[in-house]
């Protein structure tokens, strides 16, 4: 049996991340990424719209999985319980490799344009969740608060997870963060 080789998209992600860490995001070109991955620049653009999207190309899949998780929640669940289920699904999708997630976050944190792109993607996710909650009959304010809360809980938990000194599952960190938010909101 031959050794498994990652596909072109995965090779380009790996190449881009290593180059961003070595040289910096701004100093890395699409041509650099393509060369390191062993593909042409034209091939790069078949997979990614630009060099930023290498870090964010799974955003639409994340939104789809989040909305699907929300759709599976019983209609009687509160808005916060519904987004808790979404957070569980998100943790399953992004919580597989803490080291890789930490390196990706290091690159994003070091670049203002990438931080902005990340916030934009999270804003779109929040808006989609709020829309779906409203479709479930949740009041507009409650739907918006629940959706925004889920993004905030995710961001806080994700940051804690990637910088933790011990290996803990992202799902557990998210649950703990959400529990702490609930305690804060209840005045406990």
Protein backbone atom coordinates (compact mmCIF):
# COMPACT_ATOMS: atom_id res chain seq x y z
CA UNK A 1 0.00 0.00 0.00
CA UNK A 2 1.19 3.47 -0.82
CA UNK A 3 1.60 6.17 1.78
CA UNK A 4 -1.39 8.50 2.05
CA UNK A 5 -0.72 11.89 0.54
CA UNK A 6 -2.87 14.87 1.36
CA UNK A 7 -4.85 16.37 -1.51
CA UNK A 8 -3.86 19.63 -3.15
CA UNK A 9 -6.14 21.69 -0.89
CA UNK A 10 -4.68 20.21 2.26
CA UNK A 11 -1.11 20.58 0.96
CA UNK A 12 -1.79 24.24 0.21
CA UNK A 13 -3.25 24.78 3.70
CA UNK A 14 -0.19 23.20 5.28
CA UNK A 15 2.18 25.15 3.03
CA UNK A 16 0.39 28.43 3.68
CA UNK A 17 0.34 27.98 7.43
CA UNK A 18 4.02 27.10 7.61
CA UNK A 19 4.92 30.06 5.37
CA UNK A 20 2.75 32.45 7.36
CA UNK A 21 4.51 31.32 10.54
CA UNK A 22 7.99 31.52 8.97
CA UNK A 23 7.68 34.75 6.99
CA UNK A 24 4.50 36.40 8.16
CA UNK A 25 1.19 36.64 6.35
CA UNK A 26 1.95 39.86 4.48
CA UNK A 27 5.32 38.59 3.21
CA UNK A 28 3.87 35.36 1.83
CA UNK A 29 2.52 35.33 -1.72
CA UNK A 30 0.17 32.95 -3.47
CA UNK A 31 3.12 31.96 -5.68
CA UNK A 32 5.10 31.04 -2.53
CA UNK A 33 2.25 28.88 -1.24
CA UNK A 34 1.74 27.17 -4.59
CA UNK A 35 5.45 26.47 -4.97
CA UNK A 36 5.74 25.00 -1.46
CA UNK A 37 2.65 22.85 -2.05
CA UNK A 38 3.90 21.66 -5.44
CA UNK A 39 1.03 23.15 -7.45
CA UNK A 40 0.58 26.10 -9.78
CA UNK A 41 -0.89 29.45 -8.78
CA UNK A 42 -3.77 28.64 -11.10
CA UNK A 43 -4.46 25.48 -9.09
CA UNK A 44 -4.34 27.54 -5.90
CA UNK A 45 -7.14 29.76 -7.21
CA UNK A 46 -9.28 26.74 -8.02
CA UNK A 47 -9.37 26.02 -4.29
CA UNK A 48 -9.15 29.43 -2.66
CA UNK A 49 -10.31 32.95 -3.59
CA UNK A 50 -7.21 34.51 -2.02
CA UNK A 51 -4.45 33.75 0.45
CA UNK A 52 -6.67 34.71 3.41
CA UNK A 53 -9.25 32.09 2.54
CA UNK A 54 -6.72 29.33 3.17
CA UNK A 55 -7.38 30.04 6.85
CA UNK A 56 -11.15 30.49 6.53
CA UNK A 57 -12.31 28.18 3.76
CA UNK A 58 -14.29 25.98 6.14
CA UNK A 59 -16.58 28.83 7.23
CA UNK A 60 -19.49 27.77 5.03
CA UNK A 61 -19.24 24.17 6.26
CA UNK A 62 -19.18 25.46 9.83
CA UNK A 63 -22.33 27.49 9.19
CA UNK A 64 -24.08 24.52 7.56
CA UNK A 65 -23.21 22.22 10.46
CA UNK A 66 -24.28 24.87 12.97
CA UNK A 67 -27.65 25.38 11.32
CA UNK A 68 -28.18 21.63 10.99
CA UNK A 69 -27.45 21.21 14.72
CA UNK A 70 -29.91 23.98 15.50
CA UNK A 71 -32.57 22.32 13.35
CA UNK A 72 -32.21 19.11 15.39
CA UNK A 73 -32.93 20.86 18.69
CA UNK A 74 -36.49 20.35 19.95
CA UNK A 75 -38.73 23.35 19.29
CA UNK A 76 -39.45 23.59 23.03
CA UNK A 77 -35.79 24.29 23.89
CA UNK A 78 -34.85 27.78 25.03
CA UNK A 79 -32.77 29.92 22.70
CA UNK A 80 -29.72 29.48 24.93
CA UNK A 81 -30.15 25.71 25.08
CA UNK A 82 -30.50 25.68 21.29
CA UNK A 83 -27.24 27.54 20.77
CA UNK A 84 -25.56 25.27 23.33
CA UNK A 85 -26.33 22.40 20.94
CA UNK A 86 -24.81 24.44 18.11
CA UNK A 87 -21.67 24.98 20.17
CA UNK A 88 -21.38 21.21 20.70
CA UNK A 89 -21.50 20.68 16.93
CA UNK A 90 -18.94 23.42 16.33
CA UNK A 91 -16.61 21.89 18.92
CA UNK A 92 -16.80 18.54 17.16
CA UNK A 93 -15.91 20.18 13.86
CA UNK A 94 -13.01 22.40 14.95
CA UNK A 95 -11.79 20.72 18.12
CA UNK A 96 -9.80 17.90 16.58
CA UNK A 97 -6.26 19.32 16.56
CA UNK A 98 -5.48 21.84 19.28
CA UNK A 99 -1.90 22.41 18.12
CA UNK A 100 -2.93 23.16 14.53
CA UNK A 101 -5.78 25.37 15.74
CA UNK A 102 -3.32 27.25 17.94
CA UNK A 103 -0.92 27.83 15.05
CA UNK A 104 -3.75 29.05 12.84
CA UNK A 105 -4.89 31.39 15.61
CA UNK A 106 -1.33 32.66 16.07
CA UNK A 107 -1.24 33.69 12.40
CA UNK A 108 -4.66 35.36 12.64
CA UNK A 109 -3.82 37.21 15.84
CA UNK A 110 -0.63 38.60 14.30
CA UNK A 111 -2.45 40.27 11.39
CA UNK A 112 -5.17 42.94 11.64
CA UNK A 113 -6.72 42.02 8.26
CA UNK A 114 -7.03 38.39 9.32
CA UNK A 115 -8.56 39.35 12.68
CA UNK A 116 -11.06 41.46 10.77
CA UNK A 117 -11.83 38.59 8.38
CA UNK A 118 -12.39 36.25 11.32
CA UNK A 119 -14.78 38.70 12.95
CA UNK A 120 -16.68 39.12 9.67
CA UNK A 121 -17.06 35.35 9.30
CA UNK A 122 -18.29 35.07 12.91
CA UNK A 123 -20.72 37.95 12.33
CA UNK A 124 -22.21 36.12 9.33
CA UNK A 125 -22.52 32.97 11.44
CA UNK A 126 -24.25 34.90 14.22
CA UNK A 127 -26.68 36.48 11.75
CA UNK A 128 -27.52 33.07 10.24
CA UNK A 129 -28.11 31.59 13.70
CA UNK A 130 -30.30 34.53 14.73
CA UNK A 131 -32.35 34.19 11.53
CA UNK A 132 -32.86 30.48 12.12
CA UNK A 133 -33.84 31.10 15.75
CA UNK A 134 -36.42 33.66 14.60
CA UNK A 135 -37.76 31.08 12.13
CA UNK A 136 -38.23 28.79 15.14
CA UNK A 137 -40.46 31.43 16.72
CA UNK A 138 -37.88 32.99 19.04
CA UNK A 139 -38.41 36.70 19.66
CA UNK A 140 -36.04 38.99 17.70
CA UNK A 141 -34.10 40.32 20.69
CA UNK A 142 -33.75 36.91 22.31
CA UNK A 143 -32.68 35.34 19.01
CA UNK A 144 -30.04 38.01 18.44
CA UNK A 145 -28.77 37.80 22.02
CA UNK A 146 -28.56 34.00 21.89
CA UNK A 147 -26.73 34.02 18.55
CA UNK A 148 -24.27 36.71 19.62
CA UNK A 149 -23.77 34.92 22.93
CA UNK A 150 -22.92 31.69 21.16
CA UNK A 151 -20.22 33.43 19.13
CA UNK A 152 -18.82 35.11 22.25
CA UNK A 153 -18.81 31.85 24.21
CA UNK A 154 -17.07 30.14 21.30
CA UNK A 155 -14.40 32.86 21.00
CA UNK A 156 -13.66 32.85 24.74
CA UNK A 157 -13.62 29.06 24.96
CA UNK A 158 -11.54 28.65 21.80
CA UNK A 159 -8.96 31.11 23.07
CA UNK A 160 -8.78 29.28 26.40
CA UNK A 161 -8.52 25.93 24.64
CA UNK A 162 -5.69 26.78 22.24
CA UNK A 163 -3.63 28.43 24.99
CA UNK A 164 -4.26 25.81 27.70
CA UNK A 165 -1.27 24.06 29.20
CA UNK A 166 -3.17 20.80 29.57
CA UNK A 167 -4.97 18.86 26.88
CA UNK A 168 -8.67 19.33 27.39
CA UNK A 169 -11.43 18.75 24.84
CA UNK A 170 -12.82 21.88 23.23
CA UNK A 171 -16.33 20.63 24.01
CA UNK A 172 -15.52 20.61 27.72
CA UNK A 173 -14.06 24.11 27.60
CA UNK A 174 -17.12 25.37 25.74
CA UNK A 175 -19.49 23.75 28.27
CA UNK A 176 -17.58 25.27 31.18
CA UNK A 177 -17.52 28.70 29.52
CA UNK A 178 -21.26 28.56 28.83
CA UNK A 179 -21.94 27.45 32.42
CA UNK A 180 -19.92 30.39 33.68
CA UNK A 181 -21.88 32.76 31.44
CA UNK A 182 -25.16 31.33 32.77
CA UNK A 183 -23.94 31.80 36.34
CA UNK A 184 -22.87 35.37 35.54
CA UNK A 185 -26.26 36.15 33.97
CA UNK A 186 -28.15 34.70 36.93
CA UNK A 187 -26.06 36.69 39.39
CA UNK A 188 -24.63 33.56 41.05
